[in-house]
Amino acid sequence: MSELVDLYAPGDLAGRVTGTATRARVRAANLPHAATGVLLRDGAGGVFVHRRTDVKDVNPGAHDCLAGGVVGAGEDPAAAAARELEEELGVRAPLHPVLRRWYRDGSTHYLAVVFEAWWDGTPLRLQPEEVAEGWWEPATALRERLADPAWPFVPDSRALLEAWPRWWHDPGAPPASA
């Protein structure tokens, strides 16, 4: 059976669902849906960066710093983010919402729901179907890399980070409640 994805009203930040379609149809027709991203920090200024596998349907082989993916039909975006973080990196951690905005390019059109989480030191388990390799990178070094448009980084994550003002100045310490 094909994976079903909720369709969202374009531009609606509240996330009003307008129907469903298969993931294949969403990709083929670039239909508006929802997707999540989680920036995983180590609490000492590091961010987990990974290279996507070459078989990904969007931006294969590119670098990324957000674990995440498409929100399934009937799925809450926060639950989807927690699921994706655990599937891709093997991490269970409290999620802190940081950004909600629409993103669109020639390959994808979605309501982005972005979170950050702090790694507790447990070993990461990278999902081989999604993550080719990964490493911890100082946030300052990642910010410098992101300033280079030639670095092969997924365009949606680059745009979402650009829209997140605190990312550019925050040293990466967890909030007191984390």
N, C-alpha and C. Protein backbone atom coordinates (compact mmCIF):
# COMPACT_ATOMS: atom_id res chain seq x y z
N MET A 1 0.85 -1.19 0.00
CA MET A 1 0.00 0.00 0.00
C MET A 1 0.88 1.24 0.00
N SER A 2 0.47 2.26 -0.74
CA SER A 2 1.22 3.50 -0.84
C SER A 2 1.02 4.34 0.41
N GLU A 3 2.09 5.02 0.81
CA GLU A 3 2.03 5.91 1.97
C GLU A 3 1.13 7.10 1.65
N LEU A 4 0.18 7.40 2.55
CA LEU A 4 -0.70 8.55 2.37
C LEU A 4 -0.15 9.74 3.13
N VAL A 5 -0.33 10.91 2.51
CA VAL A 5 0.15 12.17 3.05
C VAL A 5 -1.01 13.16 3.03
N ASP A 6 -1.16 13.91 4.12
CA ASP A 6 -2.17 14.97 4.13
C ASP A 6 -1.71 16.12 3.24
N LEU A 7 -2.66 16.71 2.54
CA LEU A 7 -2.41 17.92 1.76
C LEU A 7 -2.85 19.11 2.61
N TYR A 8 -2.10 20.19 2.52
CA TYR A 8 -2.35 21.37 3.35
C TYR A 8 -2.71 22.56 2.48
N ALA A 9 -3.49 23.49 3.04
CA ALA A 9 -3.83 24.72 2.34
C ALA A 9 -2.56 25.55 2.21
N PRO A 10 -2.11 25.85 0.99
CA PRO A 10 -0.87 26.60 0.81
C PRO A 10 -0.91 27.95 1.53
N GLY A 11 0.17 28.25 2.23
CA GLY A 11 0.28 29.52 2.93
C GLY A 11 -0.36 29.55 4.30
N ASP A 12 -1.15 28.55 4.62
CA ASP A 12 -1.84 28.51 5.92
C ASP A 12 -0.90 27.96 6.99
N LEU A 13 -0.42 28.84 7.87
CA LEU A 13 0.51 28.43 8.91
C LEU A 13 -0.14 27.57 9.99
N ALA A 14 -1.48 27.61 10.08
CA ALA A 14 -2.17 26.78 11.06
C ALA A 14 -2.17 25.31 10.64
N GLY A 15 -1.92 25.06 9.36
CA GLY A 15 -1.85 23.68 8.90
C GLY A 15 -3.20 23.05 8.66
N ARG A 16 -4.07 23.75 7.95
CA ARG A 16 -5.40 23.21 7.63
C ARG A 16 -5.28 22.15 6.54
N VAL A 17 -5.73 20.94 6.86
CA VAL A 17 -5.68 19.82 5.93
C VAL A 17 -6.82 19.95 4.93
N THR A 18 -6.49 19.77 3.64
CA THR A 18 -7.50 19.92 2.59
C THR A 18 -7.77 18.61 1.85
N GLY A 19 -7.04 17.56 2.16
CA GLY A 19 -7.23 16.29 1.48
C GLY A 19 -6.05 15.38 1.73
N THR A 20 -5.98 14.27 1.01
CA THR A 20 -4.85 13.35 1.10
C THR A 20 -4.45 12.90 -0.29
N ALA A 21 -3.21 12.45 -0.39
CA ALA A 21 -2.69 11.90 -1.64
C ALA A 21 -1.58 10.93 -1.29
N THR A 22 -1.22 10.09 -2.23
CA THR A 22 -0.07 9.23 -1.99
C THR A 22 1.20 10.06 -2.01
N ARG A 23 2.20 9.57 -1.32
CA ARG A 23 3.50 10.28 -1.31
C ARG A 23 4.03 10.42 -2.74
N ALA A 24 3.85 9.39 -3.55
CA ALA A 24 4.32 9.45 -4.94
C ALA A 24 3.64 10.58 -5.70
N ARG A 25 2.34 10.75 -5.50
CA ARG A 25 1.61 11.82 -6.19
C ARG A 25 2.04 13.19 -5.66
N VAL A 26 2.25 13.29 -4.34
CA VAL A 26 2.71 14.55 -3.74
C VAL A 26 4.03 14.96 -4.38
N ARG A 27 4.96 14.00 -4.51
CA ARG A 27 6.26 14.30 -5.11
C ARG A 27 6.13 14.64 -6.59
N ALA A 28 5.37 13.83 -7.33
CA ALA A 28 5.25 14.01 -8.77
C ALA A 28 4.61 15.35 -9.14
N ALA A 29 3.60 15.76 -8.39
CA ALA A 29 2.88 17.00 -8.69
C ALA A 29 3.30 18.17 -7.81
N ASN A 30 4.28 17.95 -6.91
CA ASN A 30 4.77 18.99 -6.00
C ASN A 30 3.61 19.62 -5.22
N LEU A 31 2.80 18.76 -4.62
CA LEU A 31 1.61 19.21 -3.89
C LEU A 31 1.98 19.72 -2.49
N PRO A 32 1.22 20.69 -1.97
CA PRO A 32 1.51 21.24 -0.64
C PRO A 32 1.17 20.24 0.48
N HIS A 33 2.16 19.95 1.29
CA HIS A 33 2.02 19.00 2.39
C HIS A 33 2.76 19.58 3.60
N ALA A 34 3.05 18.77 4.59
CA ALA A 34 3.82 19.22 5.75
C ALA A 34 5.02 18.31 5.92
N ALA A 35 6.09 18.90 6.43
CA ALA A 35 7.30 18.13 6.73
C ALA A 35 7.94 18.73 7.97
N THR A 36 8.73 17.90 8.63
CA THR A 36 9.37 18.34 9.86
C THR A 36 10.88 18.33 9.70
N GLY A 37 11.55 19.03 10.60
CA GLY A 37 13.00 19.01 10.68
C GLY A 37 13.39 19.20 12.14
N VAL A 38 14.43 18.48 12.56
CA VAL A 38 14.93 18.61 13.93
C VAL A 38 16.43 18.86 13.87
N LEU A 39 16.86 19.98 14.42
CA LEU A 39 18.27 20.29 14.56
C LEU A 39 18.74 19.67 15.87
N LEU A 40 19.68 18.73 15.78
CA LEU A 40 20.19 18.06 16.97
C LEU A 40 21.49 18.73 17.40
N ARG A 41 21.49 19.23 18.63
CA ARG A 41 22.66 19.92 19.19
C ARG A 41 23.26 19.08 20.31
N ASP A 42 24.55 19.29 20.57
CA ASP A 42 25.20 18.53 21.64
C ASP A 42 25.33 19.32 22.94
N GLY A 43 24.86 20.55 22.99
CA GLY A 43 24.92 21.35 24.20
C GLY A 43 26.26 22.03 24.42
N ALA A 44 27.23 21.73 23.57
CA ALA A 44 28.56 22.34 23.69
C ALA A 44 28.91 23.13 22.43
N GLY A 45 27.88 23.50 21.66
CA GLY A 45 28.09 24.29 20.45
C GLY A 45 28.15 23.47 19.18
N GLY A 46 27.95 22.15 19.28
CA GLY A 46 28.00 21.30 18.10
C GLY A 46 26.62 20.99 17.55
N VAL A 47 26.57 20.74 16.25
CA VAL A 47 25.35 20.39 15.54
C VAL A 47 25.63 19.10 14.77
N PHE A 48 24.68 18.18 14.76
CA PHE A 48 24.88 16.96 14.00
C PHE A 48 24.56 17.24 12.53
N VAL A 49 25.53 16.99 11.68
CA VAL A 49 25.42 17.18 10.23
C VAL A 49 25.53 15.81 9.59
N HIS A 50 24.79 15.60 8.52
CA HIS A 50 24.87 14.33 7.83
C HIS A 50 24.81 14.53 6.32
N ARG A 51 25.23 13.48 5.62
CA ARG A 51 25.08 13.45 4.17
C ARG A 51 23.97 12.46 3.86
N ARG A 52 23.02 12.90 3.06
CA ARG A 52 21.89 12.07 2.67
C ARG A 52 22.36 10.97 1.73
N THR A 53 21.69 9.84 1.77
CA THR A 53 22.05 8.76 0.86
C THR A 53 21.76 9.17 -0.58
N ASP A 54 22.38 8.46 -1.50
CA ASP A 54 22.21 8.76 -2.92
C ASP A 54 20.89 8.26 -3.48
N VAL A 55 20.10 7.56 -2.67
CA VAL A 55 18.81 7.04 -3.14
C VAL A 55 17.63 7.87 -2.64
N LYS A 56 17.88 8.95 -1.93
CA LYS A 56 16.78 9.82 -1.45
C LYS A 56 16.03 10.39 -2.66
N ASP A 57 14.71 10.56 -2.51
CA ASP A 57 13.91 11.06 -3.63
C ASP A 57 14.07 12.56 -3.86
N VAL A 58 14.54 13.29 -2.87
CA VAL A 58 14.79 14.72 -3.01
C VAL A 58 16.18 15.01 -2.46
N ASN A 59 16.98 15.73 -3.21
CA ASN A 59 18.34 16.14 -2.82
C ASN A 59 19.23 14.97 -2.40
N PRO A 60 19.32 13.93 -3.23
CA PRO A 60 20.18 12.81 -2.88
C PRO A 60 21.64 13.23 -2.77
N GLY A 61 22.34 12.68 -1.78
CA GLY A 61 23.76 12.93 -1.60
C GLY A 61 24.14 14.27 -1.02
N ALA A 62 23.18 15.16 -0.80
CA ALA A 62 23.49 16.49 -0.26
C ALA A 62 23.65 16.42 1.26
N HIS A 63 24.31 17.42 1.81
CA HIS A 63 24.47 17.53 3.26
C HIS A 63 23.22 18.17 3.86
N ASP A 64 22.99 17.87 5.14
CA ASP A 64 21.84 18.42 5.85
C ASP A 64 22.16 18.43 7.33
N CYS A 65 21.46 19.26 8.07
CA CYS A 65 21.61 19.27 9.53
C CYS A 65 20.26 19.11 10.22
N LEU A 66 19.24 18.81 9.45
CA LEU A 66 17.91 18.57 10.03
C LEU A 66 17.52 17.12 9.78
N ALA A 67 17.19 16.41 10.84
CA ALA A 67 16.59 15.09 10.71
C ALA A 67 15.10 15.33 10.56
N GLY A 68 14.48 14.71 9.60
CA GLY A 68 13.05 14.95 9.46
C GLY A 68 12.51 14.35 8.20
N GLY A 69 11.27 14.70 7.92
CA GLY A 69 10.63 14.17 6.73
C GLY A 69 9.17 14.53 6.65
N VAL A 70 8.51 13.90 5.72
CA VAL A 70 7.11 14.17 5.42
C VAL A 70 6.22 13.71 6.57
N VAL A 71 5.22 14.52 6.88
CA VAL A 71 4.22 14.19 7.89
C VAL A 71 3.17 13.31 7.22
N GLY A 72 2.92 12.16 7.80
CA GLY A 72 1.95 11.23 7.24
C GLY A 72 0.52 11.69 7.45
N ALA A 73 -0.40 11.06 6.73
CA ALA A 73 -1.82 11.39 6.85
C ALA A 73 -2.28 11.16 8.29
N GLY A 74 -2.93 12.17 8.86
CA GLY A 74 -3.45 12.08 10.22
C GLY A 74 -2.39 12.22 11.31
N GLU A 75 -1.16 12.45 10.93
CA GLU A 75 -0.07 12.52 11.91
C GLU A 75 0.15 13.97 12.37
N ASP A 76 0.36 14.14 13.66
CA ASP A 76 0.70 15.44 14.22
C ASP A 76 2.15 15.77 13.87
N PRO A 77 2.46 16.99 13.43
CA PRO A 77 3.84 17.33 13.07
C PRO A 77 4.86 17.09 14.19
N ALA A 78 4.50 17.37 15.44
CA ALA A 78 5.46 17.12 16.53
C ALA A 78 5.72 15.62 16.69
N ALA A 79 4.68 14.82 16.55
CA ALA A 79 4.87 13.37 16.62
C ALA A 79 5.71 12.88 15.45
N ALA A 80 5.48 13.46 14.26
CA ALA A 80 6.27 13.09 13.09
C ALA A 80 7.74 13.46 13.29
N ALA A 81 8.00 14.62 13.89
CA ALA A 81 9.38 15.04 14.14
C ALA A 81 10.08 14.09 15.10
N ALA A 82 9.39 13.71 16.17
CA ALA A 82 9.96 12.76 17.13
C ALA A 82 10.22 11.42 16.46
N ARG A 83 9.28 10.97 15.63
CA ARG A 83 9.44 9.69 14.91
C ARG A 83 10.65 9.76 13.98
N GLU A 84 10.77 10.83 13.22
CA GLU A 84 11.87 10.97 12.27
C GLU A 84 13.22 11.05 12.98
N LEU A 85 13.30 11.77 14.09
CA LEU A 85 14.55 11.87 14.84
C LEU A 85 14.99 10.50 15.33
N GLU A 86 14.03 9.72 15.81
CA GLU A 86 14.38 8.38 16.28
C GLU A 86 14.73 7.45 15.12
N GLU A 87 13.97 7.52 14.01
CA GLU A 87 14.26 6.66 12.87
C GLU A 87 15.62 6.96 12.25
N GLU A 88 15.91 8.23 12.02
CA GLU A 88 17.11 8.62 11.29
C GLU A 88 18.38 8.59 12.14
N LEU A 89 18.27 9.03 13.41
CA LEU A 89 19.47 9.16 14.24
C LEU A 89 19.45 8.28 15.48
N GLY A 90 18.31 7.63 15.76
CA GLY A 90 18.22 6.79 16.94
C GLY A 90 18.13 7.57 18.24
N VAL A 91 17.61 8.78 18.17
CA VAL A 91 17.58 9.68 19.33
C VAL A 91 16.14 9.92 19.77
N ARG A 92 15.92 9.80 21.07
CA ARG A 92 14.67 10.24 21.70
C ARG A 92 15.04 11.40 22.61
N ALA A 93 14.42 12.55 22.37
CA ALA A 93 14.74 13.74 23.16
C ALA A 93 13.56 14.69 23.12
N PRO A 94 13.41 15.52 24.14
CA PRO A 94 12.36 16.55 24.08
C PRO A 94 12.61 17.48 22.90
N LEU A 95 11.54 17.83 22.22
CA LEU A 95 11.63 18.73 21.08
C LEU A 95 11.17 20.12 21.47
N HIS A 96 11.89 21.12 20.99
CA HIS A 96 11.55 22.52 21.26
C HIS A 96 11.24 23.19 19.92
N PRO A 97 9.99 23.65 19.71
CA PRO A 97 9.63 24.26 18.43
C PRO A 97 10.40 25.57 18.21
N VAL A 98 10.87 25.77 16.98
CA VAL A 98 11.64 26.98 16.68
C VAL A 98 11.14 27.73 15.45
N LEU A 99 10.45 27.06 14.54
CA LEU A 99 10.09 27.74 13.30
C LEU A 99 8.94 27.00 12.63
N ARG A 100 8.05 27.77 12.04
CA ARG A 100 6.93 27.22 11.28
C ARG A 100 6.73 28.16 10.11
N ARG A 101 7.00 27.66 8.89
CA ARG A 101 6.88 28.52 7.71
C ARG A 101 6.76 27.66 6.46
N TRP A 102 6.27 28.25 5.41
CA TRP A 102 6.14 27.55 4.15
C TRP A 102 7.44 27.62 3.36
N TYR A 103 7.72 26.53 2.65
CA TYR A 103 8.87 26.46 1.76
C TYR A 103 8.41 25.87 0.43
N ARG A 104 8.94 26.44 -0.66
CA ARG A 104 8.58 25.91 -1.97
C ARG A 104 9.74 26.11 -2.93
N ASP A 105 10.02 25.07 -3.69
CA ASP A 105 10.94 25.18 -4.82
C ASP A 105 10.43 24.23 -5.90
N GLY A 106 11.21 23.95 -6.90
CA GLY A 106 10.77 23.10 -8.00
C GLY A 106 10.58 21.64 -7.63
N SER A 107 11.09 21.23 -6.46
CA SER A 107 11.01 19.82 -6.05
C SER A 107 10.05 19.55 -4.92
N THR A 108 9.77 20.57 -4.11
CA THR A 108 8.96 20.33 -2.92
C THR A 108 8.21 21.60 -2.51
N HIS A 109 7.08 21.39 -1.87
CA HIS A 109 6.21 22.50 -1.44
C HIS A 109 5.57 22.07 -0.12
N TYR A 110 6.02 22.65 0.99
CA TYR A 110 5.52 22.15 2.26
C TYR A 110 5.53 23.20 3.37
N LEU A 111 4.67 22.92 4.36
CA LEU A 111 4.68 23.65 5.60
C LEU A 111 5.76 23.02 6.46
N ALA A 112 6.82 23.77 6.73
CA ALA A 112 7.94 23.27 7.52
C ALA A 112 7.67 23.54 8.99
N VAL A 113 7.79 22.49 9.79
CA VAL A 113 7.64 22.59 11.24
C VAL A 113 8.99 22.13 11.81
N VAL A 114 9.76 23.10 12.32
CA VAL A 114 11.15 22.85 12.71
C VAL A 114 11.29 22.90 14.23
N PHE A 115 12.09 21.97 14.74
CA PHE A 115 12.36 21.85 16.17
C PHE A 115 13.86 21.77 16.39
N GLU A 116 14.26 21.95 17.64
CA GLU A 116 15.62 21.61 18.02
C GLU A 116 15.55 20.69 19.22
N ALA A 117 16.59 19.88 19.36
CA ALA A 117 16.69 18.93 20.47
C ALA A 117 18.14 18.84 20.87
N TRP A 118 18.37 18.40 22.11
CA TRP A 118 19.73 18.26 22.62
C TRP A 118 20.04 16.80 22.86
N TRP A 119 21.18 16.39 22.34
CA TRP A 119 21.68 15.02 22.46
C TRP A 119 22.11 14.77 23.88
N ASP A 120 21.74 13.60 24.40
CA ASP A 120 22.06 13.26 25.80
C ASP A 120 23.31 12.39 25.92
N GLY A 121 24.00 12.14 24.83
CA GLY A 121 25.23 11.36 24.87
C GLY A 121 25.05 9.89 24.55
N THR A 122 23.81 9.42 24.41
CA THR A 122 23.62 8.02 24.05
C THR A 122 24.11 7.81 22.61
N PRO A 123 24.60 6.62 22.30
CA PRO A 123 25.12 6.39 20.94
C PRO A 123 24.05 6.64 19.87
N LEU A 124 24.47 7.30 18.81
CA LEU A 124 23.57 7.53 17.68
C LEU A 124 23.47 6.24 16.87
N ARG A 125 22.30 6.01 16.29
CA ARG A 125 22.07 4.89 15.38
C ARG A 125 21.57 5.47 14.06
N LEU A 126 22.47 5.60 13.10
CA LEU A 126 22.12 6.23 11.83
C LEU A 126 21.37 5.24 10.94
N GLN A 127 20.26 5.69 10.39
CA GLN A 127 19.44 4.85 9.51
C GLN A 127 20.14 4.75 8.15
N PRO A 128 20.61 3.56 7.76
CA PRO A 128 21.40 3.45 6.53
C PRO A 128 20.65 3.81 5.25
N GLU A 129 19.33 3.71 5.24
CA GLU A 129 18.56 4.09 4.06
C GLU A 129 18.48 5.60 3.87
N GLU A 130 18.69 6.35 4.96
CA GLU A 130 18.53 7.80 4.92
C GLU A 130 19.85 8.56 5.06
N VAL A 131 20.75 8.04 5.90
CA VAL A 131 21.96 8.78 6.27
C VAL A 131 23.19 8.00 5.81
N ALA A 132 23.96 8.59 4.88
CA ALA A 132 25.17 7.94 4.37
C ALA A 132 26.31 8.05 5.38
N GLU A 133 26.43 9.20 6.01
CA GLU A 133 27.45 9.44 7.03
C GLU A 133 27.03 10.65 7.84
N GLY A 134 27.58 10.78 9.03
CA GLY A 134 27.25 11.91 9.88
C GLY A 134 28.37 12.24 10.84
N TRP A 135 28.36 13.48 11.33
CA TRP A 135 29.39 13.94 12.23
C TRP A 135 28.89 15.16 13.01
N TRP A 136 29.58 15.44 14.12
CA TRP A 136 29.29 16.64 14.89
C TRP A 136 30.18 17.75 14.36
N GLU A 137 29.57 18.90 14.13
CA GLU A 137 30.31 20.04 13.61
C GLU A 137 30.00 21.25 14.48
N PRO A 138 31.03 22.03 14.84
CA PRO A 138 30.75 23.25 15.60
C PRO A 138 29.77 24.14 14.83
N ALA A 139 28.79 24.68 15.52
CA ALA A 139 27.78 25.52 14.85
C ALA A 139 28.43 26.68 14.11
N THR A 140 29.49 27.24 14.67
CA THR A 140 30.17 28.36 13.99
C THR A 140 30.74 27.91 12.65
N ALA A 141 31.32 26.70 12.58
CA ALA A 141 31.86 26.18 11.33
C ALA A 141 30.73 25.88 10.34
N LEU A 142 29.62 25.36 10.84
CA LEU A 142 28.48 25.09 9.97
C LEU A 142 27.92 26.39 9.41
N ARG A 143 27.85 27.41 10.21
CA ARG A 143 27.36 28.71 9.73
C ARG A 143 28.26 29.23 8.61
N GLU A 144 29.58 29.05 8.75
CA GLU A 144 30.51 29.47 7.70
C GLU A 144 30.29 28.67 6.43
N ARG A 145 30.11 27.35 6.55
CA ARG A 145 29.85 26.52 5.37
C ARG A 145 28.55 26.93 4.67
N LEU A 146 27.53 27.25 5.46
CA LEU A 146 26.24 27.63 4.88
C LEU A 146 26.33 28.94 4.10
N ALA A 147 27.32 29.76 4.42
CA ALA A 147 27.51 31.02 3.69
C ALA A 147 28.06 30.77 2.29
N ASP A 148 28.56 29.56 2.03
CA ASP A 148 29.10 29.21 0.72
C ASP A 148 28.00 28.54 -0.10
N PRO A 149 27.44 29.24 -1.10
CA PRO A 149 26.35 28.65 -1.87
C PRO A 149 26.77 27.44 -2.69
N ALA A 150 28.07 27.22 -2.87
CA ALA A 150 28.55 26.07 -3.64
C ALA A 150 28.60 24.79 -2.81
N TRP A 151 28.52 24.91 -1.47
CA TRP A 151 28.55 23.70 -0.64
C TRP A 151 27.26 22.92 -0.88
N PRO A 152 27.34 21.63 -1.20
CA PRO A 152 26.13 20.85 -1.52
C PRO A 152 25.29 20.56 -0.28
N PHE A 153 24.43 21.50 0.03
CA PHE A 153 23.56 21.43 1.20
C PHE A 153 22.13 21.53 0.72
N VAL A 154 21.21 20.79 1.35
CA VAL A 154 19.82 20.80 0.88
C VAL A 154 19.27 22.23 0.93
N PRO A 155 18.64 22.67 -0.15
CA PRO A 155 18.20 24.07 -0.21
C PRO A 155 17.11 24.42 0.79
N ASP A 156 16.22 23.48 1.10
CA ASP A 156 15.16 23.83 2.03
C ASP A 156 15.71 24.03 3.44
N SER A 157 16.61 23.18 3.89
CA SER A 157 17.19 23.38 5.23
C SER A 157 17.99 24.67 5.27
N ARG A 158 18.71 24.97 4.20
CA ARG A 158 19.47 26.23 4.14
C ARG A 158 18.51 27.42 4.30
N ALA A 159 17.40 27.39 3.56
CA ALA A 159 16.42 28.48 3.62
C ALA A 159 15.77 28.56 5.00
N LEU A 160 15.47 27.42 5.60
CA LEU A 160 14.83 27.43 6.92
C LEU A 160 15.78 27.99 7.97
N LEU A 161 17.05 27.62 7.90
CA LEU A 161 18.01 28.17 8.85
C LEU A 161 18.17 29.68 8.65
N GLU A 162 18.13 30.14 7.39
CA GLU A 162 18.21 31.57 7.12
C GLU A 162 17.04 32.32 7.74
N ALA A 163 15.88 31.66 7.83
CA ALA A 163 14.68 32.29 8.38
C ALA A 163 14.60 32.20 9.90
N TRP A 164 15.56 31.56 10.52
CA TRP A 164 15.57 31.33 11.97
C TRP A 164 16.63 32.24 12.58
N PRO A 165 16.28 33.47 12.97
CA PRO A 165 17.28 34.45 13.42
C PRO A 165 18.16 33.97 14.58
N ARG A 166 17.58 33.27 15.53
CA ARG A 166 18.37 32.86 16.70
C ARG A 166 19.49 31.90 16.32
N TRP A 167 19.28 31.08 15.27
CA TRP A 167 20.29 30.13 14.84
C TRP A 167 21.62 30.82 14.55
N TRP A 168 21.56 32.02 14.00
CA TRP A 168 22.78 32.71 13.57
C TRP A 168 23.56 33.33 14.72
N HIS A 169 22.96 33.39 15.91
CA HIS A 169 23.64 34.02 17.05
C HIS A 169 23.72 33.14 18.28
N ASP A 170 22.97 32.08 18.30
CA ASP A 170 22.85 31.22 19.48
C ASP A 170 24.07 30.31 19.61
N PRO A 171 24.71 30.26 20.77
CA PRO A 171 25.86 29.38 20.95
C PRO A 171 25.49 27.90 21.05
N GLY A 172 24.22 27.59 21.15
CA GLY A 172 23.80 26.19 21.17
C GLY A 172 23.61 25.60 22.53
N ALA A 173 23.56 26.41 23.56
CA ALA A 173 23.30 25.88 24.90
C ALA A 173 21.82 25.58 25.03
N PRO A 174 21.49 24.45 25.66
CA PRO A 174 20.07 24.13 25.81
C PRO A 174 19.39 25.12 26.76
N PRO A 175 18.09 25.35 26.54
CA PRO A 175 17.37 26.22 27.46
C PRO A 175 17.31 25.57 28.84
N ALA A 176 17.03 26.35 29.83
CA ALA A 176 17.01 25.85 31.21
C ALA A 176 16.04 24.69 31.37
N SER A 177 14.99 24.62 30.55
CA SER A 177 14.00 23.56 30.67
C SER A 177 14.37 22.30 29.91
N ALA A 178 15.44 22.34 29.13
CA ALA A 178 15.78 21.16 28.29
C ALA A 178 16.40 20.05 29.13
